[in-house]
Amino acid sequence: MTTMSMIQAVNSAMAVMLSRDPKVVVFGEDVGYFGGVFRATEGLQKTFGKNRCFDTPISEGGIVGAAIGMGAYGMRPVVEIQFADYIYPAFDQLASEAARIRYRSAGEFTVPITVRSPYGGGIFGGQTHSQSPEGLFTHVVGLKVVIPSTPYDAKGLLISSIEDDDPVIFLEPKRLYSGPFEGHSDGAVKSWSTHPASEVPEGHYRVPLGQAAVVREGAEVTVLAYGTMVHVALAATRDSGMDAEVIDLRSLIPLDVDTIVKSVSKTGRCVIVHEATRTSGFGAELAAIVQKHCFFDLEAPIERVTGWDTPYPHAFEWQYFPGPARVAEAMRQVAAG
């Protein structure tokens, strides 16, 4: 075991798989010699050579299209889209090709590709470097969507994604990549720790896809979150003094419905937190699932704490970012309901 940040854990996962499976290749914009804009692929080209880790032109559609072809013929490509905001040119390849090949070929072909991309705000990236597009991909049948919140999970989930025979969208919360930080809520500075580094095994291990984690047990309210918002939810729990049960979904597709239902049935209250815009966000799907399975157990309406239905504002980053104060207020509302 060694202490790793999330970016180091992601790097370690790729290094493990490159050394373990000759069919694994890593490519994308600036991932080779430069090591990626966030240094997630640093040292991989030097260790494994230019045929295993290499740079591509600035063409997201081309990157994903090449990966699909390679995956269909037996490779396991791991590609990086520099920011999730840039993934839209590749959406047609992902939705129309990668997600459909297994069905169109009656199982003759699979596309075991992993598309990594940093997502979310909290680093003053503005409207074109802070988006959270996870909800778009959960709507595409045939894609899996995975979002870690800790270095340990990041490595184990990425290894599981690379070994999976289906295409996986692996979104990495860039706010958690490295270092402690000061969080903000409602315009005021408020300290909250993200536990940015943790003990991570150096070798191969897996965290199963489709298995949520109960990161804090509680009895008053269930908080459903993923990525950075898991740590926001834990901070809100500490600030509010409420006995909240915090669930880290870890993967959105496949989704661990059983863990969600068990928790909400116990607490009778539910708060859903995500950074993406509110309208048609994944929280709406979570609310529908909770309503269906826990209707007779609910003691109050389900609350959602999300980003606003606007472009991500650079000047008002912390008003947009769902901070602990907003989550704590939602917890108090459902407790009083």
C-alpha atoms as a PDB file:
ATOM      1  CA  MET A   1       0.000   0.000   0.000  1.00  0.00           C
ATOM      2  CA  THR A   2       1.148   3.520  -0.717  1.00  0.00           C
ATOM      3  CA  THR A   3      -0.377   6.978  -0.347  1.00  0.00           C
ATOM      4  CA  MET A   4      -1.687   8.305  -3.658  1.00  0.00           C
ATOM      5  CA  SER A   5      -3.671  11.267  -4.892  1.00  0.00           C
ATOM      6  CA  MET A   6      -6.463  10.542  -7.343  1.00  0.00           C
ATOM      7  CA  ILE A   7      -4.313  11.534 -10.318  1.00  0.00           C
ATOM      8  CA  GLN A   8      -1.579   9.169  -9.142  1.00  0.00           C
ATOM      9  CA  ALA A   9      -4.127   6.381  -8.658  1.00  0.00           C
ATOM     10  CA  VAL A  10      -5.460   6.855 -12.200  1.00  0.00           C
ATOM     11  CA  ASN A  11      -1.909   6.756 -13.543  1.00  0.00           C
ATOM     12  CA  SER A  12      -1.181   3.622 -11.530  1.00  0.00           C
ATOM     13  CA  ALA A  13      -4.273   1.863 -12.886  1.00  0.00           C
ATOM     14  CA  MET A  14      -3.177   2.469 -16.479  1.00  0.00           C
ATOM     15  CA  ALA A  15       0.391   1.390 -15.728  1.00  0.00           C
ATOM     16  CA  VAL A  16      -0.858  -1.841 -14.145  1.00  0.00           C
ATOM     17  CA  MET A  17      -3.063  -2.645 -17.124  1.00  0.00           C
ATOM     18  CA  LEU A  18      -0.407  -1.739 -19.706  1.00  0.00           C
ATOM     19  CA  SER A  19       2.018  -4.128 -18.022  1.00  0.00           C
ATOM     20  CA  ARG A  20      -0.604  -6.823 -17.490  1.00  0.00           C
ATOM     21  CA  ASP A  21      -2.360  -6.904 -20.868  1.00  0.00           C
ATOM     22  CA  PRO A  22      -0.579  -6.304 -24.205  1.00  0.00           C
ATOM     23  CA  LYS A  23      -3.941  -5.442 -25.804  1.00  0.00           C
ATOM     24  CA  VAL A  24      -4.217  -2.261 -23.691  1.00  0.00           C
ATOM     25  CA  VAL A  25      -3.121   0.984 -25.337  1.00  0.00           C
ATOM     26  CA  VAL A  26      -3.432   4.572 -24.116  1.00  0.00           C
ATOM     27  CA  PHE A  27      -3.843   7.531 -26.453  1.00  0.00           C
ATOM     28  CA  GLY A  28      -5.269  11.034 -26.736  1.00  0.00           C
ATOM     29  CA  GLU A  29      -4.212  14.657 -27.001  1.00  0.00           C
ATOM     30  CA  ASP A  30      -0.842  15.310 -25.314  1.00  0.00           C
ATOM     31  CA  VAL A  31      -0.959  12.065 -23.294  1.00  0.00           C
ATOM     32  CA  GLY A  32       2.422  10.793 -24.522  1.00  0.00           C
ATOM     33  CA  TYR A  33       5.595  12.832 -24.029  1.00  0.00           C
ATOM     34  CA  PHE A  34       3.769  15.609 -22.136  1.00  0.00           C
ATOM     35  CA  GLY A  35       1.884  13.216 -19.838  1.00  0.00           C
ATOM     36  CA  GLY A  36      -1.531  14.852 -20.228  1.00  0.00           C
ATOM     37  CA  VAL A  37      -2.774  18.290 -19.213  1.00  0.00           C
ATOM     38  CA  PHE A  38      -3.264  17.027 -15.633  1.00  0.00           C
ATOM     39  CA  ARG A  39      -0.307  14.598 -15.843  1.00  0.00           C
ATOM     40  CA  ALA A  40      -2.552  11.529 -15.578  1.00  0.00           C
ATOM     41  CA  THR A  41      -0.417   9.669 -18.133  1.00  0.00           C
ATOM     42  CA  GLU A  42       2.955  10.977 -16.981  1.00  0.00           C
ATOM     43  CA  GLY A  43       5.756   8.460 -17.525  1.00  0.00           C
ATOM     44  CA  LEU A  44       3.637   5.896 -19.369  1.00  0.00           C
ATOM     45  CA  GLN A  45       5.177   6.515 -22.791  1.00  0.00           C
ATOM     46  CA  LYS A  46       8.698   6.403 -21.348  1.00  0.00           C
ATOM     47  CA  THR A  47       7.968   3.091 -19.624  1.00  0.00           C
ATOM     48  CA  PHE A  48       5.872   1.325 -22.269  1.00  0.00           C
ATOM     49  CA  GLY A  49       6.958   2.974 -25.502  1.00  0.00           C
ATOM     50  CA  LYS A  50       5.337   5.069 -28.210  1.00  0.00           C
ATOM     51  CA  ASN A  51       3.293   2.165 -29.569  1.00  0.00           C
ATOM     52  CA  ARG A  52       1.475   1.699 -26.261  1.00  0.00           C
ATOM     53  CA  CYS A  53       1.011   5.340 -25.197  1.00  0.00           C
ATOM     54  CA  PHE A  54       0.856   7.943 -27.938  1.00  0.00           C
ATOM     55  CA  ASP A  55      -0.422  11.375 -28.933  1.00  0.00           C
ATOM     56  CA  THR A  56      -3.239  12.050 -31.386  1.00  0.00           C
ATOM     57  CA  PRO A  57      -4.417  15.033 -33.427  1.00  0.00           C
ATOM     58  CA  ILE A  58      -6.953  17.386 -31.842  1.00  0.00           C
ATOM     59  CA  SER A  59      -9.962  15.414 -33.040  1.00  0.00           C
ATOM     60  CA  GLU A  60     -12.189  13.898 -30.374  1.00  0.00           C
ATOM     61  CA  GLY A  61     -14.340  12.152 -32.974  1.00  0.00           C
ATOM     62  CA  GLY A  62     -11.217  10.684 -34.535  1.00  0.00           C
ATOM     63  CA  ILE A  63      -9.822   9.575 -31.178  1.00  0.00           C
ATOM     64  CA  VAL A  64     -12.988   7.722 -30.195  1.00  0.00           C
ATOM     65  CA  GLY A  65     -13.592   6.422 -33.729  1.00  0.00           C
ATOM     66  CA  ALA A  66     -10.106   4.892 -33.829  1.00  0.00           C
ATOM     67  CA  ALA A  67     -10.656   3.370 -30.387  1.00  0.00           C
ATOM     68  CA  ILE A  68     -13.925   1.771 -31.532  1.00  0.00           C
ATOM     69  CA  GLY A  69     -12.231   0.139 -34.495  1.00  0.00           C
ATOM     70  CA  MET A  70      -9.360  -1.094 -32.356  1.00  0.00           C
ATOM     71  CA  GLY A  71     -11.730  -2.393 -29.689  1.00  0.00           C
ATOM     72  CA  ALA A  72     -13.881  -4.262 -32.209  1.00  0.00           C
ATOM     73  CA  TYR A  73     -10.786  -6.112 -33.383  1.00  0.00           C
ATOM     74  CA  GLY A  74      -9.537  -7.208 -29.991  1.00  0.00           C
ATOM     75  CA  MET A  75      -7.658  -4.287 -28.451  1.00  0.00           C
ATOM     76  CA  ARG A  76      -8.580  -2.542 -25.187  1.00  0.00           C
ATOM     77  CA  PRO A  77      -7.984   1.157 -25.846  1.00  0.00           C
ATOM     78  CA  VAL A  78      -7.987   3.680 -23.002  1.00  0.00           C
ATOM     79  CA  VAL A  79      -8.458   7.131 -24.486  1.00  0.00           C
ATOM     80  CA  GLU A  80      -8.355  10.516 -22.823  1.00  0.00           C
ATOM     81  CA  ILE A  81     -10.594  13.434 -23.719  1.00  0.00           C
ATOM     82  CA  GLN A  82      -8.723  16.393 -22.265  1.00  0.00           C
ATOM     83  CA  PHE A  83     -11.839  17.932 -20.679  1.00  0.00           C
ATOM     84  CA  ALA A  84     -15.364  16.490 -20.595  1.00  0.00           C
ATOM     85  CA  ASP A  85     -16.474  19.770 -22.201  1.00  0.00           C
ATOM     86  CA  TYR A  86     -14.670  18.625 -25.378  1.00  0.00           C
ATOM     87  CA  ILE A  87     -16.365  15.249 -25.629  1.00  0.00           C
ATOM     88  CA  TYR A  88     -19.352  16.411 -27.680  1.00  0.00           C
ATOM     89  CA  PRO A  89     -17.672  16.016 -31.116  1.00  0.00           C
ATOM     90  CA  ALA A  90     -17.263  12.316 -30.202  1.00  0.00           C
ATOM     91  CA  PHE A  91     -20.857  11.867 -29.033  1.00  0.00           C
ATOM     92  CA  ASP A  92     -22.062  10.457 -32.348  1.00  0.00           C
ATOM     93  CA  GLN A  93     -19.294   7.847 -32.340  1.00  0.00           C
ATOM     94  CA  LEU A  94     -20.153   6.885 -28.770  1.00  0.00           C
ATOM     95  CA  ALA A  95     -23.945   6.837 -29.097  1.00  0.00           C
ATOM     96  CA  SER A  96     -24.312   5.515 -32.638  1.00  0.00           C
ATOM     97  CA  GLU A  97     -21.354   3.155 -32.862  1.00  0.00           C
ATOM     98  CA  ALA A  98     -19.701   2.163 -29.567  1.00  0.00           C
ATOM     99  CA  ALA A  99     -22.973   1.676 -27.711  1.00  0.00           C
ATOM    100  CA  ARG A 100     -24.625  -0.252 -30.553  1.00  0.00           C
ATOM    101  CA  ILE A 101     -22.059  -2.658 -31.990  1.00  0.00           C
ATOM    102  CA  ARG A 102     -22.814  -5.526 -29.584  1.00  0.00           C
ATOM    103  CA  TYR A 103     -26.528  -5.313 -30.456  1.00  0.00           C
ATOM    104  CA  ARG A 104     -26.053  -4.749 -34.197  1.00  0.00           C
ATOM    105  CA  SER A 105     -23.683  -7.711 -34.489  1.00  0.00           C
ATOM    106  CA  ALA A 106     -25.766 -10.050 -32.270  1.00  0.00           C
ATOM    107  CA  GLY A 107     -22.808 -10.281 -29.899  1.00  0.00           C
ATOM    108  CA  GLU A 108     -20.220 -11.066 -32.579  1.00  0.00           C
ATOM    109  CA  PHE A 109     -18.352  -7.841 -31.803  1.00  0.00           C
ATOM    110  CA  THR A 110     -17.837  -5.940 -28.563  1.00  0.00           C
ATOM    111  CA  VAL A 111     -16.157  -2.581 -27.991  1.00  0.00           C
ATOM    112  CA  PRO A 112     -14.113  -2.800 -24.769  1.00  0.00           C
ATOM    113  CA  ILE A 113     -12.990   0.825 -24.754  1.00  0.00           C
ATOM    114  CA  THR A 114     -12.580   3.170 -21.798  1.00  0.00           C
ATOM    115  CA  VAL A 115     -13.030   6.887 -22.371  1.00  0.00           C
ATOM    116  CA  ARG A 116     -11.432   8.867 -19.545  1.00  0.00           C
ATOM    117  CA  SER A 117     -12.138  12.540 -19.024  1.00  0.00           C
ATOM    118  CA  PRO A 118     -11.830  15.092 -16.189  1.00  0.00           C
ATOM    119  CA  TYR A 119     -15.179  16.704 -15.446  1.00  0.00           C
ATOM    120  CA  GLY A 120     -16.890  19.181 -13.118  1.00  0.00           C
ATOM    121  CA  GLY A 121     -15.989  22.553 -11.680  1.00  0.00           C
ATOM    122  CA  GLY A 122     -14.325  23.988  -8.649  1.00  0.00           C
ATOM    123  CA  ILE A 123     -11.077  25.019 -10.372  1.00  0.00           C
ATOM    124  CA  PHE A 124     -12.255  28.287 -11.986  1.00  0.00           C
ATOM    125  CA  GLY A 125     -12.291  26.722 -15.429  1.00  0.00           C
ATOM    126  CA  GLY A 126     -15.259  28.739 -16.636  1.00  0.00           C
ATOM    127  CA  GLN A 127     -18.070  27.562 -18.834  1.00  0.00           C
ATOM    128  CA  THR A 128     -15.954  25.514 -21.274  1.00  0.00           C
ATOM    129  CA  HIS A 129     -13.821  23.628 -18.735  1.00  0.00           C
ATOM    130  CA  SER A 130     -16.271  22.856 -15.908  1.00  0.00           C
ATOM    131  CA  GLN A 131     -19.199  20.934 -17.366  1.00  0.00           C
ATOM    132  CA  SER A 132     -20.766  17.763 -15.973  1.00  0.00           C
ATOM    133  CA  PRO A 133     -22.251  15.852 -18.945  1.00  0.00           C
ATOM    134  CA  GLU A 134     -22.760  12.505 -17.207  1.00  0.00           C
ATOM    135  CA  GLY A 135     -26.540  12.591 -17.653  1.00  0.00           C
ATOM    136  CA  LEU A 136     -26.188  12.580 -21.453  1.00  0.00           C
ATOM    137  CA  PHE A 137     -24.302   9.293 -21.397  1.00  0.00           C
ATOM    138  CA  THR A 138     -26.613   7.560 -18.931  1.00  0.00           C
ATOM    139  CA  HIS A 139     -29.364   8.079 -21.523  1.00  0.00           C
ATOM    140  CA  VAL A 140     -27.457   6.041 -24.145  1.00  0.00           C
ATOM    141  CA  VAL A 141     -28.230   2.341 -23.852  1.00  0.00           C
ATOM    142  CA  GLY A 142     -25.024   0.323 -24.138  1.00  0.00           C
ATOM    143  CA  LEU A 143     -22.659   2.714 -22.363  1.00  0.00           C
ATOM    144  CA  LYS A 144     -21.514   2.369 -18.766  1.00  0.00           C
ATOM    145  CA  VAL A 145     -20.837   5.524 -16.744  1.00  0.00           C
ATOM    146  CA  VAL A 146     -18.416   5.480 -13.811  1.00  0.00           C
ATOM    147  CA  ILE A 147     -17.392   8.311 -11.453  1.00  0.00           C
ATOM    148  CA  PRO A 148     -14.967   7.774  -8.535  1.00  0.00           C
ATOM    149  CA  SER A 149     -14.674   9.948  -5.431  1.00  0.00           C
ATOM    150  CA  THR A 150     -11.487   8.585  -3.816  1.00  0.00           C
ATOM    151  CA  PRO A 151      -8.052   7.500  -5.049  1.00  0.00           C
ATOM    152  CA  TYR A 152      -8.710   3.903  -3.959  1.00  0.00           C
ATOM    153  CA  ASP A 153     -11.944   3.744  -5.930  1.00  0.00           C
ATOM    154  CA  ALA A 154     -10.426   5.594  -8.892  1.00  0.00           C
ATOM    155  CA  LYS A 155      -7.784   2.930  -9.415  1.00  0.00           C
ATOM    156  CA  GLY A 156     -10.022  -0.073  -8.723  1.00  0.00           C
ATOM    157  CA  LEU A 157     -12.900   1.242 -10.836  1.00  0.00           C
ATOM    158  CA  LEU A 158     -10.606   2.190 -13.728  1.00  0.00           C
ATOM    159  CA  ILE A 159      -9.082  -1.288 -13.785  1.00  0.00           C
ATOM    160  CA  SER A 160     -12.582  -2.798 -13.774  1.00  0.00           C
ATOM    161  CA  SER A 161     -13.584  -0.457 -16.593  1.00  0.00           C
ATOM    162  CA  ILE A 162     -10.588  -1.398 -18.743  1.00  0.00           C
ATOM    163  CA  GLU A 163     -11.272  -5.095 -18.199  1.00  0.00           C
ATOM    164  CA  ASP A 164     -14.996  -4.709 -18.973  1.00  0.00           C
ATOM    165  CA  ASP A 165     -16.189  -5.807 -22.423  1.00  0.00           C
ATOM    166  CA  ASP A 166     -18.558  -2.843 -22.794  1.00  0.00           C
ATOM    167  CA  PRO A 167     -17.657   0.792 -23.561  1.00  0.00           C
ATOM    168  CA  VAL A 168     -17.195   2.790 -20.365  1.00  0.00           C
ATOM    169  CA  ILE A 169     -17.301   6.557 -19.854  1.00  0.00           C
ATOM    170  CA  PHE A 170     -14.955   7.147 -16.921  1.00  0.00           C
ATOM    171  CA  LEU A 171     -15.387  10.676 -15.556  1.00  0.00           C
ATOM    172  CA  GLU A 172     -12.761  11.934 -13.111  1.00  0.00           C
ATOM    173  CA  PRO A 173     -13.679  14.840 -10.778  1.00  0.00           C
ATOM    174  CA  LYS A 174     -10.862  17.257 -11.488  1.00  0.00           C
ATOM    175  CA  ARG A 175     -11.595  19.039  -8.171  1.00  0.00           C
ATOM    176  CA  LEU A 176     -10.358  15.913  -6.400  1.00  0.00           C
ATOM    177  CA  TYR A 177      -7.247  15.281  -8.489  1.00  0.00           C
ATOM    178  CA  SER A 178      -4.749  16.570  -5.938  1.00  0.00           C
ATOM    179  CA  GLY A 179      -4.274  18.538  -2.765  1.00  0.00           C
ATOM    180  CA  PRO A 180      -6.568  19.795   0.028  1.00  0.00           C
ATOM    181  CA  PHE A 181      -8.595  22.903  -0.631  1.00  0.00           C
ATOM    182  CA  GLU A 182     -10.910  25.496   0.792  1.00  0.00           C
ATOM    183  CA  GLY A 183     -14.526  24.977  -0.244  1.00  0.00           C
ATOM    184  CA  HIS A 184     -17.000  27.813  -0.565  1.00  0.00           C
ATOM    185  CA  SER A 185     -20.748  28.009  -0.080  1.00  0.00           C
ATOM    186  CA  ASP A 186     -23.165  30.903  -0.575  1.00  0.00           C
ATOM    187  CA  GLY A 187     -20.286  33.259  -1.341  1.00  0.00           C
ATOM    188  CA  ALA A 188     -18.446  32.671   1.918  1.00  0.00           C
ATOM    189  CA  VAL A 189     -15.262  30.679   2.413  1.00  0.00           C
ATOM    190  CA  LYS A 190     -15.887  27.472   4.302  1.00  0.00           C
ATOM    191  CA  SER A 191     -13.250  24.842   4.945  1.00  0.00           C
ATOM    192  CA  TRP A 192     -14.058  21.263   4.049  1.00  0.00           C
ATOM    193  CA  SER A 193     -11.640  18.436   3.502  1.00  0.00           C
ATOM    194  CA  THR A 194     -11.805  16.108   0.506  1.00  0.00           C
ATOM    195  CA  HIS A 195      -9.280  13.596   1.849  1.00  0.00           C
ATOM    196  CA  PRO A 196      -7.384  13.976  -1.457  1.00  0.00           C
ATOM    197  CA  ALA A 197      -4.855  11.218  -0.774  1.00  0.00           C
ATOM    198  CA  SER A 198      -5.448   7.738   0.584  1.00  0.00           C
ATOM    199  CA  GLU A 199      -3.841   4.338   0.885  1.00  0.00           C
ATOM    200  CA  VAL A 200      -3.934   2.519  -2.455  1.00  0.00           C
ATOM    201  CA  PRO A 201      -2.506  -0.914  -3.345  1.00  0.00           C
ATOM    202  CA  GLU A 202       0.348  -0.690  -5.830  1.00  0.00           C
ATOM    203  CA  GLY A 203      -0.703  -3.724  -7.891  1.00  0.00           C
ATOM    204  CA  HIS A 204      -3.837  -5.018  -9.532  1.00  0.00           C
ATOM    205  CA  TYR A 205      -7.204  -4.932  -7.774  1.00  0.00           C
ATOM    206  CA  ARG A 206     -10.768  -4.258  -8.814  1.00  0.00           C
ATOM    207  CA  VAL A 207     -13.687  -2.277  -7.443  1.00  0.00           C
ATOM    208  CA  PRO A 208     -16.821  -3.798  -9.020  1.00  0.00           C
ATOM    209  CA  LEU A 209     -18.939  -1.673 -11.327  1.00  0.00           C
ATOM    210  CA  GLY A 210     -22.534  -1.246 -10.207  1.00  0.00           C
ATOM    211  CA  GLN A 211     -21.823  -1.437  -6.493  1.00  0.00           C
ATOM    212  CA  ALA A 212     -22.427   1.697  -4.415  1.00  0.00           C
ATOM    213  CA  ALA A 213     -20.632   2.407  -1.135  1.00  0.00           C
ATOM    214  CA  VAL A 214     -22.186   3.524   2.140  1.00  0.00           C
ATOM    215  CA  VAL A 215     -19.500   6.017   3.147  1.00  0.00           C
ATOM    216  CA  ARG A 216     -21.352   7.124   6.270  1.00  0.00           C
ATOM    217  CA  GLU A 217     -24.127   5.284   8.063  1.00  0.00           C
ATOM    218  CA  GLY A 218     -26.997   7.298   9.516  1.00  0.00           C
ATOM    219  CA  ALA A 219     -30.658   7.207  10.440  1.00  0.00           C
ATOM    220  CA  GLU A 220     -32.201  10.643   9.736  1.00  0.00           C
ATOM    221  CA  VAL A 221     -31.790  11.143   5.981  1.00  0.00           C
ATOM    222  CA  THR A 222     -30.180   9.457   2.978  1.00  0.00           C
ATOM    223  CA  VAL A 223     -27.911  11.579   0.772  1.00  0.00           C
ATOM    224  CA  LEU A 224     -27.180  10.208  -2.716  1.00  0.00           C
ATOM    225  CA  ALA A 225     -24.066  11.634  -4.367  1.00  0.00           C
ATOM    226  CA  TYR A 226     -21.090  10.850  -6.582  1.00  0.00           C
ATOM    227  CA  GLY A 227     -17.699  12.369  -7.350  1.00  0.00           C
ATOM    228  CA  THR A 228     -16.840  15.611  -5.571  1.00  0.00           C
ATOM    229  CA  MET A 229     -20.352  15.839  -4.151  1.00  0.00           C
ATOM    230  CA  VAL A 230     -19.707  12.857  -1.881  1.00  0.00           C
ATOM    231  CA  HIS A 231     -17.238  14.985   0.076  1.00  0.00           C
ATOM    232  CA  VAL A 232     -19.590  17.973   0.003  1.00  0.00           C
ATOM    233  CA  ALA A 233     -22.312  15.741   1.472  1.00  0.00           C
ATOM    234  CA  LEU A 234     -20.007  14.541   4.244  1.00  0.00           C
ATOM    235  CA  ALA A 235     -19.053  18.140   5.063  1.00  0.00           C
ATOM    236  CA  ALA A 236     -22.736  19.144   5.112  1.00  0.00           C
ATOM    237  CA  THR A 237     -23.432  16.303   7.518  1.00  0.00           C
ATOM    238  CA  ARG A 238     -20.717  17.520   9.865  1.00  0.00           C
ATOM    239  CA  ASP A 239     -21.850  21.150   9.601  1.00  0.00           C
ATOM    240  CA  SER A 240     -25.537  20.412  10.172  1.00  0.00           C
ATOM    241  CA  GLY A 241     -25.040  17.889  12.956  1.00  0.00           C
ATOM    242  CA  MET A 242     -27.582  15.609  11.311  1.00  0.00           C
ATOM    243  CA  ASP A 243     -27.277  11.832  11.355  1.00  0.00           C
ATOM    244  CA  ALA A 244     -27.199  11.407   7.589  1.00  0.00           C
ATOM    245  CA  GLU A 245     -26.425   8.253   5.650  1.00  0.00           C
ATOM    246  CA  VAL A 246     -24.219   9.182   2.681  1.00  0.00           C
ATOM    247  CA  ILE A 247     -24.217   6.895  -0.350  1.00  0.00           C
ATOM    248  CA  ASP A 248     -21.456   7.139  -2.954  1.00  0.00           C
ATOM    249  CA  LEU A 249     -23.033   5.734  -6.134  1.00  0.00           C
ATOM    250  CA  ARG A 250     -19.615   5.224  -7.812  1.00  0.00           C
ATOM    251  CA  SER A 251     -21.230   4.062 -11.054  1.00  0.00           C
ATOM    252  CA  LEU A 252     -24.386   5.560 -12.545  1.00  0.00           C
ATOM    253  CA  ILE A 253     -24.789   2.818 -15.142  1.00  0.00           C
ATOM    254  CA  PRO A 254     -24.988   0.114 -13.896  1.00  0.00           C
ATOM    255  CA  LEU A 255     -26.712   1.567 -10.831  1.00  0.00           C
ATOM    256  CA  ASP A 256     -26.890  -0.116  -7.426  1.00  0.00           C
ATOM    257  CA  VAL A 257     -30.623   0.302  -6.844  1.00  0.00           C
ATOM    258  CA  ASP A 258     -30.680  -2.165  -3.943  1.00  0.00           C
ATOM    259  CA  THR A 259     -28.335  -0.084  -1.777  1.00  0.00           C
ATOM    260  CA  ILE A 260     -30.339   3.071  -2.506  1.00  0.00           C
ATOM    261  CA  VAL A 261     -33.677   1.457  -1.673  1.00  0.00           C
ATOM    262  CA  LYS A 262     -32.378  -0.167   1.493  1.00  0.00           C
ATOM    263  CA  SER A 263     -31.045   3.165   2.794  1.00  0.00           C
ATOM    264  CA  VAL A 264     -34.071   5.326   1.937  1.00  0.00           C
ATOM    265  CA  SER A 265     -36.457   2.700   3.312  1.00  0.00           C
ATOM    266  CA  LYS A 266     -34.550   2.947   6.592  1.00  0.00           C
ATOM    267  CA  THR A 267     -34.290   6.751   6.855  1.00  0.00           C
ATOM    268  CA  GLY A 268     -37.556   7.733   5.173  1.00  0.00           C
ATOM    269  CA  ARG A 269     -35.943  10.849   3.677  1.00  0.00           C
ATOM    270  CA  CYS A 270     -33.752  11.497   0.645  1.00  0.00           C
ATOM    271  CA  VAL A 271     -31.533  14.315  -0.637  1.00  0.00           C
ATOM    272  CA  ILE A 272     -29.885  13.966  -4.060  1.00  0.00           C
ATOM    273  CA  VAL A 273     -26.764  15.990  -4.856  1.00  0.00           C
ATOM    274  CA  HIS A 274     -24.991  16.518  -8.167  1.00  0.00           C
ATOM    275  CA  GLU A 275     -23.039  19.338  -9.759  1.00  0.00           C
ATOM    276  CA  ALA A 276     -24.661  19.112 -13.191  1.00  0.00           C
ATOM    277  CA  THR A 277     -27.532  21.385 -14.164  1.00  0.00           C
ATOM    278  CA  ARG A 278     -30.856  20.567 -12.567  1.00  0.00           C
ATOM    279  CA  THR A 279     -33.162  20.039 -15.550  1.00  0.00           C
ATOM    280  CA  SER A 280     -32.880  16.460 -16.873  1.00  0.00           C
ATOM    281  CA  GLY A 281     -29.888  15.826 -14.616  1.00  0.00           C
ATOM    282  CA  PHE A 282     -29.243  12.297 -13.339  1.00  0.00           C
ATOM    283  CA  GLY A 283     -30.814  13.336 -10.040  1.00  0.00           C
ATOM    284  CA  ALA A 284     -34.228  13.302 -11.722  1.00  0.00           C
ATOM    285  CA  GLU A 285     -33.765   9.607 -12.566  1.00  0.00           C
ATOM    286  CA  LEU A 286     -32.657   8.910  -9.005  1.00  0.00           C
ATOM    287  CA  ALA A 287     -35.724  10.692  -7.657  1.00  0.00           C
ATOM    288  CA  ALA A 288     -37.998   8.595  -9.892  1.00  0.00           C
ATOM    289  CA  ILE A 289     -36.338   5.388  -8.691  1.00  0.00           C
ATOM    290  CA  VAL A 290     -36.672   6.366  -5.025  1.00  0.00           C
ATOM    291  CA  GLN A 291     -40.286   7.433  -5.513  1.00  0.00           C
ATOM    292  CA  LYS A 292     -41.170   4.127  -7.161  1.00  0.00           C
ATOM    293  CA  HIS A 293     -39.455   1.797  -4.699  1.00  0.00           C
ATOM    294  CA  CYS A 294     -39.793   3.750  -1.442  1.00  0.00           C
ATOM    295  CA  PHE A 295     -43.142   5.523  -1.822  1.00  0.00           C
ATOM    296  CA  PHE A 296     -44.671   4.149   1.374  1.00  0.00           C
ATOM    297  CA  ASP A 297     -41.478   4.740   3.379  1.00  0.00           C
ATOM    298  CA  LEU A 298     -40.960   8.397   2.465  1.00  0.00           C
ATOM    299  CA  GLU A 299     -41.735  10.888   5.254  1.00  0.00           C
ATOM    300  CA  ALA A 300     -41.006  14.012   3.165  1.00  0.00           C
ATOM    301  CA  PRO A 301     -40.624  15.073  -0.486  1.00  0.00           C
ATOM    302  CA  ILE A 302     -37.322  14.201  -2.143  1.00  0.00           C
ATOM    303  CA  GLU A 303     -34.946  17.178  -2.383  1.00  0.00           C
ATOM    304  CA  ARG A 304     -32.386  17.834  -5.134  1.00  0.00           C
ATOM    305  CA  VAL A 305     -29.326  20.063  -4.722  1.00  0.00           C
ATOM    306  CA  THR A 306     -27.721  20.746  -8.091  1.00  0.00           C
ATOM    307  CA  GLY A 307     -26.015  23.244 -10.321  1.00  0.00           C
ATOM    308  CA  TRP A 308     -28.164  25.942 -11.877  1.00  0.00           C
ATOM    309  CA  ASP A 309     -29.713  25.812 -15.348  1.00  0.00           C
ATOM    310  CA  THR A 310     -27.101  28.205 -16.707  1.00  0.00           C
ATOM    311  CA  PRO A 311     -23.640  27.935 -18.250  1.00  0.00           C
ATOM    312  CA  TYR A 312     -21.019  27.440 -15.552  1.00  0.00           C
ATOM    313  CA  PRO A 313     -20.190  31.014 -14.445  1.00  0.00           C
ATOM    314  CA  HIS A 314     -16.545  31.881 -13.893  1.00  0.00           C
ATOM    315  CA  ALA A 315     -17.292  34.929 -11.727  1.00  0.00           C
ATOM    316  CA  PHE A 316     -19.857  33.111  -9.559  1.00  0.00           C
ATOM    317  CA  GLU A 317     -18.218  29.705  -9.322  1.00  0.00           C
ATOM    318  CA  TRP A 318     -19.128  29.122  -5.684  1.00  0.00           C
ATOM    319  CA  GLN A 319     -22.728  30.248  -6.051  1.00  0.00           C
ATOM    320  CA  TYR A 320     -23.173  27.648  -8.788  1.00  0.00           C
ATOM    321  CA  PHE A 321     -21.147  24.908  -7.082  1.00  0.00           C
ATOM    322  CA  PRO A 322     -23.446  22.963  -4.701  1.00  0.00           C
ATOM    323  CA  GLY A 323     -21.617  23.585  -1.422  1.00  0.00           C
ATOM    324  CA  PRO A 324     -22.147  22.226   2.087  1.00  0.00           C
ATOM    325  CA  ALA A 325     -24.488  25.053   3.120  1.00  0.00           C
ATOM    326  CA  ARG A 326     -26.956  24.286   0.328  1.00  0.00           C
ATOM    327  CA  VAL A 327     -26.838  20.553   1.028  1.00  0.00           C
ATOM    328  CA  ALA A 328     -27.243  21.064   4.789  1.00  0.00           C
ATOM    329  CA  GLU A 329     -30.288  23.284   4.183  1.00  0.00           C
ATOM    330  CA  ALA A 330     -31.885  20.580   2.026  1.00  0.00           C
ATOM    331  CA  MET A 331     -31.216  18.020   4.754  1.00  0.00           C
ATOM    332  CA  ARG A 332     -32.917  20.244   7.315  1.00  0.00           C
ATOM    333  CA  GLN A 333     -35.904  20.743   5.006  1.00  0.00           C
ATOM    334  CA  VAL A 334     -36.546  17.032   4.533  1.00  0.00           C
ATOM    335  CA  ALA A 335     -36.043  16.420   8.252  1.00  0.00           C
ATOM    336  CA  ALA A 336     -38.757  18.993   9.020  1.00  0.00           C
ATOM    337  CA  GLY A 337     -41.103  17.632   6.343  1.00  0.00           C
END
